[in-house]
Amino acid sequence: MDERRMEMMTKELSLTPDQVTSIKGIEADSRKQSMALREDTSVAQDQKREKMMAIREASQAKVRALLNDDQKTKFDAMEARMRERMRNGRGPGGPGGDGPPPAQQ
């Protein structure tokens, strides 16, 4: 998870410092698993996709377990918005997405 997304989650969900620390650990572990899977040449591409989805779902479940009921509702809404943006081709860096700002000239 990039810093900008972590900042957005912290603000929107009113995360405590302990929650932020825990979520960063969950995300670091998820990223480590994903990187290892990408480098594994013995796994077929379609299997990698399935395993990546499983890693993501497990990560989200761990994050949800740290949240109170109000935060879970907000987290679910955030995730739904992100899925919708990705579905519409406006994910991070895509047209209309939250990609990097244009270079200053």
PDB file of N, CA and C in Angstrom:
ATOM      1  N   MET A   1       0.860  -1.167   0.000  1.00  0.00           N
ATOM      2  CA  MET A   1       0.000   0.000   0.000  1.00  0.00           C
ATOM      3  C   MET A   1       0.900   1.220   0.000  1.00  0.00           C
ATOM      4  N   ASP A   2       0.577   2.146  -0.857  1.00  0.00           N
ATOM      5  CA  ASP A   2       1.411   3.340  -0.887  1.00  0.00           C
ATOM      6  C   ASP A   2       1.017   4.293   0.246  1.00  0.00           C
ATOM      7  N   GLU A   3       1.889   5.242   0.501  1.00  0.00           N
ATOM      8  CA  GLU A   3       1.675   6.178   1.611  1.00  0.00           C
ATOM      9  C   GLU A   3       0.397   6.988   1.438  1.00  0.00           C
ATOM     10  N   ARG A   4       0.097   7.356   0.197  1.00  0.00           N
ATOM     11  CA  ARG A   4      -1.107   8.168  -0.042  1.00  0.00           C
ATOM     12  C   ARG A   4      -2.374   7.406   0.329  1.00  0.00           C
ATOM     13  N   ARG A   5      -2.412   6.127  -0.019  1.00  0.00           N
ATOM     14  CA  ARG A   5      -3.591   5.317   0.337  1.00  0.00           C
ATOM     15  C   ARG A   5      -3.667   5.146   1.856  1.00  0.00           C
ATOM     16  N   MET A   6      -2.522   4.952   2.492  1.00  0.00           N
ATOM     17  CA  MET A   6      -2.511   4.803   3.955  1.00  0.00           C
ATOM     18  C   MET A   6      -2.998   6.087   4.612  1.00  0.00           C
ATOM     19  N   GLU A   7      -2.575   7.231   4.096  1.00  0.00           N
ATOM     20  CA  GLU A   7      -3.042   8.512   4.636  1.00  0.00           C
ATOM     21  C   GLU A   7      -4.547   8.660   4.461  1.00  0.00           C
ATOM     22  N   MET A   8      -5.050   8.264   3.294  1.00  0.00           N
ATOM     23  CA  MET A   8      -6.485   8.359   3.028  1.00  0.00           C
ATOM     24  C   MET A   8      -7.262   7.452   3.991  1.00  0.00           C
ATOM     25  N   MET A   9      -6.771   6.231   4.178  1.00  0.00           N
ATOM     26  CA  MET A   9      -7.442   5.313   5.098  1.00  0.00           C
ATOM     27  C   MET A   9      -7.416   5.862   6.521  1.00  0.00           C
ATOM     28  N   THR A  10      -6.259   6.383   6.922  1.00  0.00           N
ATOM     29  CA  THR A  10      -6.121   6.925   8.271  1.00  0.00           C
ATOM     30  C   THR A  10      -7.136   8.035   8.504  1.00  0.00           C
ATOM     31  N   LYS A  11      -7.266   8.904   7.527  1.00  0.00           N
ATOM     32  CA  LYS A  11      -8.186  10.044   7.655  1.00  0.00           C
ATOM     33  C   LYS A  11      -9.646   9.594   7.583  1.00  0.00           C
ATOM     34  N   GLU A  12      -9.995   8.835   6.546  1.00  0.00           N
ATOM     35  CA  GLU A  12     -11.396   8.440   6.342  1.00  0.00           C
ATOM     36  C   GLU A  12     -11.918   7.513   7.431  1.00  0.00           C
ATOM     37  N   LEU A  13     -11.043   6.644   7.939  1.00  0.00           N
ATOM     38  CA  LEU A  13     -11.484   5.663   8.930  1.00  0.00           C
ATOM     39  C   LEU A  13     -11.170   6.092  10.355  1.00  0.00           C
ATOM     40  N   SER A  14     -10.507   7.232  10.504  1.00  0.00           N
ATOM     41  CA  SER A  14     -10.079   7.697  11.832  1.00  0.00           C
ATOM     42  C   SER A  14      -9.305   6.595  12.564  1.00  0.00           C
ATOM     43  N   LEU A  15      -8.278   6.079  11.890  1.00  0.00           N
ATOM     44  CA  LEU A  15      -7.480   4.997  12.466  1.00  0.00           C
ATOM     45  C   LEU A  15      -6.650   5.488  13.641  1.00  0.00           C
ATOM     46  N   THR A  16      -6.477   4.608  14.606  1.00  0.00           N
ATOM     47  CA  THR A  16      -5.597   4.905  15.733  1.00  0.00           C
ATOM     48  C   THR A  16      -4.154   4.619  15.299  1.00  0.00           C
ATOM     49  N   PRO A  17      -3.177   5.160  16.007  1.00  0.00           N
ATOM     50  CA  PRO A  17      -1.783   4.851  15.669  1.00  0.00           C
ATOM     51  C   PRO A  17      -1.489   3.345  15.694  1.00  0.00           C
ATOM     52  N   ASP A  18      -2.079   2.623  16.647  1.00  0.00           N
ATOM     53  CA  ASP A  18      -1.882   1.166  16.705  1.00  0.00           C
ATOM     54  C   ASP A  18      -2.462   0.479  15.469  1.00  0.00           C
ATOM     55  N   GLN A  19      -3.628   0.933  15.011  1.00  0.00           N
ATOM     56  CA  GLN A  19      -4.233   0.352  13.822  1.00  0.00           C
ATOM     57  C   GLN A  19      -3.356   0.617  12.593  1.00  0.00           C
ATOM     58  N   VAL A  20      -2.824   1.830  12.501  1.00  0.00           N
ATOM     59  CA  VAL A  20      -1.952   2.179  11.370  1.00  0.00           C
ATOM     60  C   VAL A  20      -0.744   1.242  11.347  1.00  0.00           C
ATOM     61  N   THR A  21      -0.120   1.053  12.480  1.00  0.00           N
ATOM     62  CA  THR A  21       1.050   0.180  12.572  1.00  0.00           C
ATOM     63  C   THR A  21       0.698  -1.247  12.162  1.00  0.00           C
ATOM     64  N   SER A  22      -0.416  -1.746  12.664  1.00  0.00           N
ATOM     65  CA  SER A  22      -0.845  -3.112  12.338  1.00  0.00           C
ATOM     66  C   SER A  22      -1.158  -3.261  10.856  1.00  0.00           C
ATOM     67  N   ILE A  23      -1.854  -2.291  10.294  1.00  0.00           N
ATOM     68  CA  ILE A  23      -2.221  -2.358   8.875  1.00  0.00           C
ATOM     69  C   ILE A  23      -0.973  -2.293   8.001  1.00  0.00           C
ATOM     70  N   LYS A  24      -0.019  -1.455   8.377  1.00  0.00           N
ATOM     71  CA  LYS A  24       1.233  -1.402   7.604  1.00  0.00           C
ATOM     72  C   LYS A  24       1.938  -2.753   7.627  1.00  0.00           C
ATOM     73  N   GLY A  25       1.903  -3.450   8.762  1.00  0.00           N
ATOM     74  CA  GLY A  25       2.498  -4.783   8.852  1.00  0.00           C
ATOM     75  C   GLY A  25       1.775  -5.790   7.978  1.00  0.00           C
ATOM     76  N   ILE A  26       0.454  -5.733   7.985  1.00  0.00           N
ATOM     77  CA  ILE A  26      -0.354  -6.632   7.150  1.00  0.00           C
ATOM     78  C   ILE A  26      -0.035  -6.392   5.678  1.00  0.00           C
ATOM     79  N   GLU A  27       0.014  -5.130   5.299  1.00  0.00           N
ATOM     80  CA  GLU A  27       0.279  -4.793   3.901  1.00  0.00           C
ATOM     81  C   GLU A  27       1.698  -5.174   3.481  1.00  0.00           C
ATOM     82  N   ALA A  28       2.668  -5.025   4.375  1.00  0.00           N
ATOM     83  CA  ALA A  28       4.049  -5.412   4.061  1.00  0.00           C
ATOM     84  C   ALA A  28       4.129  -6.916   3.825  1.00  0.00           C
ATOM     85  N   ASP A  29       3.440  -7.686   4.662  1.00  0.00           N
ATOM     86  CA  ASP A  29       3.421  -9.135   4.514  1.00  0.00           C
ATOM     87  C   ASP A  29       2.749  -9.530   3.201  1.00  0.00           C
ATOM     88  N   SER A  30       1.650  -8.875   2.885  1.00  0.00           N
ATOM     89  CA  SER A  30       0.925  -9.144   1.645  1.00  0.00           C
ATOM     90  C   SER A  30       1.802  -8.826   0.430  1.00  0.00           C
ATOM     91  N   ARG A  31       2.502  -7.706   0.494  1.00  0.00           N
ATOM     92  CA  ARG A  31       3.384  -7.300  -0.602  1.00  0.00           C
ATOM     93  C   ARG A  31       4.512  -8.323  -0.775  1.00  0.00           C
ATOM     94  N   LYS A  32       5.064  -8.806   0.339  1.00  0.00           N
ATOM     95  CA  LYS A  32       6.135  -9.804   0.299  1.00  0.00           C
ATOM     96  C   LYS A  32       5.639 -11.091  -0.362  1.00  0.00           C
ATOM     97  N   GLN A  33       4.449 -11.536   0.023  1.00  0.00           N
ATOM     98  CA  GLN A  33       3.871 -12.743  -0.576  1.00  0.00           C
ATOM     99  C   GLN A  33       3.629 -12.558  -2.074  1.00  0.00           C
ATOM    100  N   SER A  34       3.121 -11.388  -2.453  1.00  0.00           N
ATOM    101  CA  SER A  34       2.838 -11.105  -3.861  1.00  0.00           C
ATOM    102  C   SER A  34       4.115 -11.088  -4.692  1.00  0.00           C
ATOM    103  N   MET A  35       5.159 -10.468  -4.155  1.00  0.00           N
ATOM    104  CA  MET A  35       6.432 -10.409  -4.876  1.00  0.00           C
ATOM    105  C   MET A  35       7.002 -11.815  -5.075  1.00  0.00           C
ATOM    106  N   ALA A  36       6.938 -12.637  -4.036  1.00  0.00           N
ATOM    107  CA  ALA A  36       7.439 -14.007  -4.144  1.00  0.00           C
ATOM    108  C   ALA A  36       6.648 -14.782  -5.202  1.00  0.00           C
ATOM    109  N   LEU A  37       5.348 -14.566  -5.247  1.00  0.00           N
ATOM    110  CA  LEU A  37       4.510 -15.246  -6.229  1.00  0.00           C
ATOM    111  C   LEU A  37       4.852 -14.785  -7.642  1.00  0.00           C
ATOM    112  N   ARG A  38       5.066 -13.489  -7.826  1.00  0.00           N
ATOM    113  CA  ARG A  38       5.418 -12.974  -9.156  1.00  0.00           C
ATOM    114  C   ARG A  38       6.712 -13.592  -9.666  1.00  0.00           C
ATOM    115  N   GLU A  39       7.655 -13.816  -8.764  1.00  0.00           N
ATOM    116  CA  GLU A  39       8.961 -14.350  -9.150  1.00  0.00           C
ATOM    117  C   GLU A  39       8.956 -15.861  -9.328  1.00  0.00           C
ATOM    118  N   ASP A  40       7.894 -16.520  -8.893  1.00  0.00           N
ATOM    119  CA  ASP A  40       7.809 -17.978  -8.974  1.00  0.00           C
ATOM    120  C   ASP A  40       7.432 -18.389 -10.394  1.00  0.00           C
ATOM    121  N   THR A  41       8.401 -18.918 -11.129  1.00  0.00           N
ATOM    122  CA  THR A  41       8.157 -19.296 -12.521  1.00  0.00           C
ATOM    123  C   THR A  41       7.469 -20.655 -12.658  1.00  0.00           C
ATOM    124  N   SER A  42       7.303 -21.382 -11.555  1.00  0.00           N
ATOM    125  CA  SER A  42       6.671 -22.699 -11.621  1.00  0.00           C
ATOM    126  C   SER A  42       5.142 -22.623 -11.568  1.00  0.00           C
ATOM    127  N   VAL A  43       4.611 -21.414 -11.360  1.00  0.00           N
ATOM    128  CA  VAL A  43       3.164 -21.241 -11.246  1.00  0.00           C
ATOM    129  C   VAL A  43       2.630 -20.612 -12.532  1.00  0.00           C
ATOM    130  N   ALA A  44       1.597 -21.237 -13.099  1.00  0.00           N
ATOM    131  CA  ALA A  44       0.981 -20.724 -14.322  1.00  0.00           C
ATOM    132  C   ALA A  44       0.323 -19.376 -14.059  1.00  0.00           C
ATOM    133  N   GLN A  45       0.216 -18.557 -15.106  1.00  0.00           N
ATOM    134  CA  GLN A  45      -0.310 -17.197 -14.979  1.00  0.00           C
ATOM    135  C   GLN A  45      -1.708 -17.166 -14.381  1.00  0.00           C
ATOM    136  N   ASP A  46      -2.603 -18.067 -14.833  1.00  0.00           N
ATOM    137  CA  ASP A  46      -3.962 -18.050 -14.295  1.00  0.00           C
ATOM    138  C   ASP A  46      -3.979 -18.447 -12.819  1.00  0.00           C
ATOM    139  N   GLN A  47      -3.073 -19.326 -12.423  1.00  0.00           N
ATOM    140  CA  GLN A  47      -2.968 -19.694 -11.005  1.00  0.00           C
ATOM    141  C   GLN A  47      -2.410 -18.533 -10.188  1.00  0.00           C
ATOM    142  N   LYS A  48      -1.480 -17.801 -10.775  1.00  0.00           N
ATOM    143  CA  LYS A  48      -0.926 -16.627 -10.079  1.00  0.00           C
ATOM    144  C   LYS A  48      -2.036 -15.620  -9.802  1.00  0.00           C
ATOM    145  N   ARG A  49      -2.884 -15.404 -10.789  1.00  0.00           N
ATOM    146  CA  ARG A  49      -3.982 -14.455 -10.634  1.00  0.00           C
ATOM    147  C   ARG A  49      -4.892 -14.872  -9.474  1.00  0.00           C
ATOM    148  N   GLU A  50      -5.224 -16.158  -9.435  1.00  0.00           N
ATOM    149  CA  GLU A  50      -6.071 -16.670  -8.351  1.00  0.00           C
ATOM    150  C   GLU A  50      -5.395 -16.508  -6.992  1.00  0.00           C
ATOM    151  N   LYS A  51      -4.118 -16.829  -6.936  1.00  0.00           N
ATOM    152  CA  LYS A  51      -3.389 -16.715  -5.672  1.00  0.00           C
ATOM    153  C   LYS A  51      -3.248 -15.255  -5.247  1.00  0.00           C
ATOM    154  N   MET A  52      -3.045 -14.363  -6.208  1.00  0.00           N
ATOM    155  CA  MET A  52      -2.960 -12.925  -5.890  1.00  0.00           C
ATOM    156  C   MET A  52      -4.275 -12.441  -5.281  1.00  0.00           C
ATOM    157  N   MET A  53      -5.372 -12.892  -5.863  1.00  0.00           N
ATOM    158  CA  MET A  53      -6.685 -12.526  -5.328  1.00  0.00           C
ATOM    159  C   MET A  53      -6.849 -13.059  -3.906  1.00  0.00           C
ATOM    160  N   ALA A  54      -6.391 -14.276  -3.671  1.00  0.00           N
ATOM    161  CA  ALA A  54      -6.491 -14.869  -2.334  1.00  0.00           C
ATOM    162  C   ALA A  54      -5.635 -14.089  -1.332  1.00  0.00           C
ATOM    163  N   ILE A  55      -4.446 -13.668  -1.737  1.00  0.00           N
ATOM    164  CA  ILE A  55      -3.583 -12.864  -0.866  1.00  0.00           C
ATOM    165  C   ILE A  55      -4.278 -11.551  -0.523  1.00  0.00           C
ATOM    166  N   ARG A  56      -4.858 -10.917  -1.528  1.00  0.00           N
ATOM    167  CA  ARG A  56      -5.547  -9.639  -1.317  1.00  0.00           C
ATOM    168  C   ARG A  56      -6.748  -9.808  -0.382  1.00  0.00           C
ATOM    169  N   GLU A  57      -7.538 -10.844  -0.613  1.00  0.00           N
ATOM    170  CA  GLU A  57      -8.713 -11.082   0.220  1.00  0.00           C
ATOM    171  C   GLU A  57      -8.314 -11.363   1.673  1.00  0.00           C
ATOM    172  N   ALA A  58      -7.249 -12.136   1.855  1.00  0.00           N
ATOM    173  CA  ALA A  58      -6.776 -12.434   3.212  1.00  0.00           C
ATOM    174  C   ALA A  58      -6.291 -11.155   3.899  1.00  0.00           C
ATOM    175  N   SER A  59      -5.611 -10.315   3.148  1.00  0.00           N
ATOM    176  CA  SER A  59      -5.124  -9.044   3.688  1.00  0.00           C
ATOM    177  C   SER A  59      -6.295  -8.159   4.114  1.00  0.00           C
ATOM    178  N   GLN A  60      -7.308  -8.070   3.258  1.00  0.00           N
ATOM    179  CA  GLN A  60      -8.483  -7.264   3.585  1.00  0.00           C
ATOM    180  C   GLN A  60      -9.199  -7.806   4.821  1.00  0.00           C
ATOM    181  N   ALA A  61      -9.284  -9.118   4.939  1.00  0.00           N
ATOM    182  CA  ALA A  61      -9.942  -9.726   6.103  1.00  0.00           C
ATOM    183  C   ALA A  61      -9.177  -9.388   7.383  1.00  0.00           C
ATOM    184  N   LYS A  62      -7.853  -9.418   7.315  1.00  0.00           N
ATOM    185  CA  LYS A  62      -7.033  -9.078   8.482  1.00  0.00           C
ATOM    186  C   LYS A  62      -7.221  -7.611   8.862  1.00  0.00           C
ATOM    187  N   VAL A  63      -7.281  -6.746   7.856  1.00  0.00           N
ATOM    188  CA  VAL A  63      -7.495  -5.317   8.129  1.00  0.00           C
ATOM    189  C   VAL A  63      -8.872  -5.123   8.757  1.00  0.00           C
ATOM    190  N   ARG A  64      -9.900  -5.733   8.184  1.00  0.00           N
ATOM    191  CA  ARG A  64     -11.263  -5.588   8.729  1.00  0.00           C
ATOM    192  C   ARG A  64     -11.338  -6.044  10.178  1.00  0.00           C
ATOM    193  N   ALA A  65     -10.561  -7.087  10.526  1.00  0.00           N
ATOM    194  CA  ALA A  65     -10.586  -7.618  11.892  1.00  0.00           C
ATOM    195  C   ALA A  65     -10.060  -6.592  12.906  1.00  0.00           C
ATOM    196  N   LEU A  66      -9.283  -5.633  12.435  1.00  0.00           N
ATOM    197  CA  LEU A  66      -8.728  -4.600  13.315  1.00  0.00           C
ATOM    198  C   LEU A  66      -9.682  -3.428  13.528  1.00  0.00           C
ATOM    199  N   LEU A  67     -10.727  -3.341  12.711  1.00  0.00           N
ATOM    200  CA  LEU A  67     -11.591  -2.163  12.689  1.00  0.00           C
ATOM    201  C   LEU A  67     -12.827  -2.340  13.566  1.00  0.00           C
ATOM    202  N   ASN A  68     -13.337  -1.207  14.055  1.00  0.00           N
ATOM    203  CA  ASN A  68     -14.620  -1.253  14.763  1.00  0.00           C
ATOM    204  C   ASN A  68     -15.737  -1.247  13.711  1.00  0.00           C
ATOM    205  N   ASP A  69     -16.980  -1.381  14.138  1.00  0.00           N
ATOM    206  CA  ASP A  69     -18.097  -1.501  13.196  1.00  0.00           C
ATOM    207  C   ASP A  69     -18.223  -0.297  12.268  1.00  0.00           C
ATOM    208  N   ASP A  70     -18.071   0.913  12.799  1.00  0.00           N
ATOM    209  CA  ASP A  70     -18.158   2.123  11.980  1.00  0.00           C
ATOM    210  C   ASP A  70     -17.037   2.144  10.941  1.00  0.00           C
ATOM    211  N   GLN A  71     -15.832   1.796  11.368  1.00  0.00           N
ATOM    212  CA  GLN A  71     -14.696   1.777  10.456  1.00  0.00           C
ATOM    213  C   GLN A  71     -14.877   0.710   9.375  1.00  0.00           C
ATOM    214  N   LYS A  72     -15.450  -0.437   9.735  1.00  0.00           N
ATOM    215  CA  LYS A  72     -15.685  -1.502   8.750  1.00  0.00           C
ATOM    216  C   LYS A  72     -16.628  -1.023   7.651  1.00  0.00           C
ATOM    217  N   THR A  73     -17.677  -0.321   8.041  1.00  0.00           N
ATOM    218  CA  THR A  73     -18.629   0.200   7.061  1.00  0.00           C
ATOM    219  C   THR A  73     -17.924   1.157   6.096  1.00  0.00           C
ATOM    220  N   LYS A  74     -17.119   2.049   6.635  1.00  0.00           N
ATOM    221  CA  LYS A  74     -16.387   3.011   5.801  1.00  0.00           C
ATOM    222  C   LYS A  74     -15.344   2.305   4.933  1.00  0.00           C
ATOM    223  N   PHE A  75     -14.658   1.304   5.504  1.00  0.00           N
ATOM    224  CA  PHE A  75     -13.657   0.543   4.754  1.00  0.00           C
ATOM    225  C   PHE A  75     -14.313  -0.174   3.574  1.00  0.00           C
ATOM    226  N   ASP A  76     -15.451  -0.810   3.819  1.00  0.00           N
ATOM    227  CA  ASP A  76     -16.160  -1.517   2.748  1.00  0.00           C
ATOM    228  C   ASP A  76     -16.557  -0.551   1.632  1.00  0.00           C
ATOM    229  N   ALA A  77     -16.999   0.647   2.009  1.00  0.00           N
ATOM    230  CA  ALA A  77     -17.371   1.652   1.001  1.00  0.00           C
ATOM    231  C   ALA A  77     -16.146   2.093   0.201  1.00  0.00           C
ATOM    232  N   MET A  78     -15.018   2.284   0.882  1.00  0.00           N
ATOM    233  CA  MET A  78     -13.780   2.654   0.190  1.00  0.00           C
ATOM    234  C   MET A  78     -13.375   1.578  -0.810  1.00  0.00           C
ATOM    235  N   GLU A  79     -13.422   0.335  -0.376  1.00  0.00           N
ATOM    236  CA  GLU A  79     -13.046  -0.772  -1.253  1.00  0.00           C
ATOM    237  C   GLU A  79     -13.991  -0.862  -2.452  1.00  0.00           C
ATOM    238  N   ALA A  80     -15.278  -0.638  -2.227  1.00  0.00           N
ATOM    239  CA  ALA A  80     -16.253  -0.677  -3.326  1.00  0.00           C
ATOM    240  C   ALA A  80     -15.960   0.427  -4.341  1.00  0.00           C
ATOM    241  N   ARG A  81     -15.626   1.630  -3.850  1.00  0.00           N
ATOM    242  CA  ARG A  81     -15.281   2.733  -4.762  1.00  0.00           C
ATOM    243  C   ARG A  81     -14.041   2.381  -5.578  1.00  0.00           C
ATOM    244  N   MET A  82     -13.056   1.783  -4.940  1.00  0.00           N
ATOM    245  CA  MET A  82     -11.833   1.427  -5.652  1.00  0.00           C
ATOM    246  C   MET A  82     -12.110   0.356  -6.709  1.00  0.00           C
ATOM    247  N   ARG A  83     -12.905  -0.659  -6.352  1.00  0.00           N
ATOM    248  CA  ARG A  83     -13.240  -1.696  -7.332  1.00  0.00           C
ATOM    249  C   ARG A  83     -13.971  -1.093  -8.519  1.00  0.00           C
ATOM    250  N   GLU A  84     -14.864  -0.161  -8.251  1.00  0.00           N
ATOM    251  CA  GLU A  84     -15.621   0.481  -9.327  1.00  0.00           C
ATOM    252  C   GLU A  84     -14.692   1.278 -10.247  1.00  0.00           C
ATOM    253  N   ARG A  85     -13.756   2.012  -9.655  1.00  0.00           N
ATOM    254  CA  ARG A  85     -12.792   2.769 -10.465  1.00  0.00           C
ATOM    255  C   ARG A  85     -11.966   1.832 -11.329  1.00  0.00           C
ATOM    256  N   MET A  86     -11.526   0.718 -10.754  1.00  0.00           N
ATOM    257  CA  MET A  86     -10.727  -0.239 -11.514  1.00  0.00           C
ATOM    258  C   MET A  86     -11.558  -0.848 -12.645  1.00  0.00           C
ATOM    259  N   ARG A  87     -12.798  -1.156 -12.343  1.00  0.00           N
ATOM    260  CA  ARG A  87     -13.698  -1.737 -13.339  1.00  0.00           C
ATOM    261  C   ARG A  87     -13.919  -0.771 -14.502  1.00  0.00           C
ATOM    262  N   ASN A  88     -13.944   0.505 -14.220  1.00  0.00           N
ATOM    263  CA  ASN A  88     -14.176   1.519 -15.250  1.00  0.00           C
ATOM    264  C   ASN A  88     -12.892   1.999 -15.903  1.00  0.00           C
ATOM    265  N   GLY A  89     -11.772   1.357 -15.571  1.00  0.00           N
ATOM    266  CA  GLY A  89     -10.509   1.730 -16.190  1.00  0.00           C
ATOM    267  C   GLY A  89      -9.926   3.020 -15.661  1.00  0.00           C
ATOM    268  N   ARG A  90     -10.351   3.419 -14.456  1.00  0.00           N
ATOM    269  CA  ARG A  90      -9.848   4.678 -13.904  1.00  0.00           C
ATOM    270  C   ARG A  90      -9.046   4.427 -12.632  1.00  0.00           C
ATOM    271  N   GLY A  91      -8.415   3.292 -12.578  1.00  0.00           N
ATOM    272  CA  GLY A  91      -7.619   2.973 -11.401  1.00  0.00           C
ATOM    273  C   GLY A  91      -6.410   3.870 -11.299  1.00  0.00           C
ATOM    274  N   PRO A  92      -5.593   3.662 -10.295  1.00  0.00           N
ATOM    275  CA  PRO A  92      -4.398   4.493 -10.119  1.00  0.00           C
ATOM    276  C   PRO A  92      -3.579   4.547 -11.388  1.00  0.00           C
ATOM    277  N   GLY A  93      -3.321   5.757 -11.856  1.00  0.00           N
ATOM    278  CA  GLY A  93      -2.520   5.952 -13.055  1.00  0.00           C
ATOM    279  C   GLY A  93      -3.313   5.872 -14.340  1.00  0.00           C
ATOM    280  N   GLY A  94      -4.577   5.430 -14.288  1.00  0.00           N
ATOM    281  CA  GLY A  94      -5.399   5.314 -15.484  1.00  0.00           C
ATOM    282  C   GLY A  94      -6.094   6.630 -15.783  1.00  0.00           C
ATOM    283  N   PRO A  95      -6.821   6.686 -16.901  1.00  0.00           N
ATOM    284  CA  PRO A  95      -7.522   7.923 -17.246  1.00  0.00           C
ATOM    285  C   PRO A  95      -8.500   8.315 -16.144  1.00  0.00           C
ATOM    286  N   GLY A  96      -8.369   9.492 -15.645  1.00  0.00           N
ATOM    287  CA  GLY A  96      -9.263   9.980 -14.608  1.00  0.00           C
ATOM    288  C   GLY A  96      -8.973   9.405 -13.245  1.00  0.00           C
ATOM    289  N   GLY A  97      -7.929   8.606 -13.123  1.00  0.00           N
ATOM    290  CA  GLY A  97      -7.591   7.975 -11.849  1.00  0.00           C
ATOM    291  C   GLY A  97      -6.766   8.886 -10.966  1.00  0.00           C
ATOM    292  N   ASP A  98      -6.238   8.312  -9.917  1.00  0.00           N
ATOM    293  CA  ASP A  98      -5.440   9.078  -8.973  1.00  0.00           C
ATOM    294  C   ASP A  98      -3.966   8.858  -9.242  1.00  0.00           C
ATOM    295  N   GLY A  99      -3.573   8.934 -10.493  1.00  0.00           N
ATOM    296  CA  GLY A  99      -2.188   8.713 -10.847  1.00  0.00           C
ATOM    297  C   GLY A  99      -1.330   9.863 -10.361  1.00  0.00           C
ATOM    298  N   PRO A 100      -0.053   9.823 -10.698  1.00  0.00           N
ATOM    299  CA  PRO A 100       0.822  10.891 -10.246  1.00  0.00           C
ATOM    300  C   PRO A 100       0.428  12.212 -10.883  1.00  0.00           C
ATOM    301  N   PRO A 101       0.700  13.314 -10.219  1.00  0.00           N
ATOM    302  CA  PRO A 101       0.356  14.607 -10.792  1.00  0.00           C
ATOM    303  C   PRO A 101       1.216  14.876 -12.015  1.00  0.00           C
ATOM    304  N   PRO A 102       0.742  15.738 -12.903  1.00  0.00           N
ATOM    305  CA  PRO A 102       1.531  16.047 -14.105  1.00  0.00           C
ATOM    306  C   PRO A 102       2.844  16.711 -13.702  1.00  0.00           C
ATOM    307  N   ALA A 103       3.866  16.470 -14.488  1.00  0.00           N
ATOM    308  CA  ALA A 103       5.185  17.050 -14.214  1.00  0.00           C
ATOM    309  C   ALA A 103       5.125  18.564 -14.362  1.00  0.00           C
ATOM    310  N   GLN A 104       5.813  19.245 -13.481  1.00  0.00           N
ATOM    311  CA  GLN A 104       5.892  20.703 -13.553  1.00  0.00           C
ATOM    312  C   GLN A 104       6.898  21.102 -14.624  1.00  0.00           C
ATOM    313  N   GLN A 105       6.570  22.124 -15.376  1.00  0.00           N
ATOM    314  CA  GLN A 105       7.490  22.562 -16.435  1.00  0.00           C
ATOM    315  C   GLN A 105       7.969  23.952 -16.201  1.00  0.00           C
TER     316      GLN A 105
END
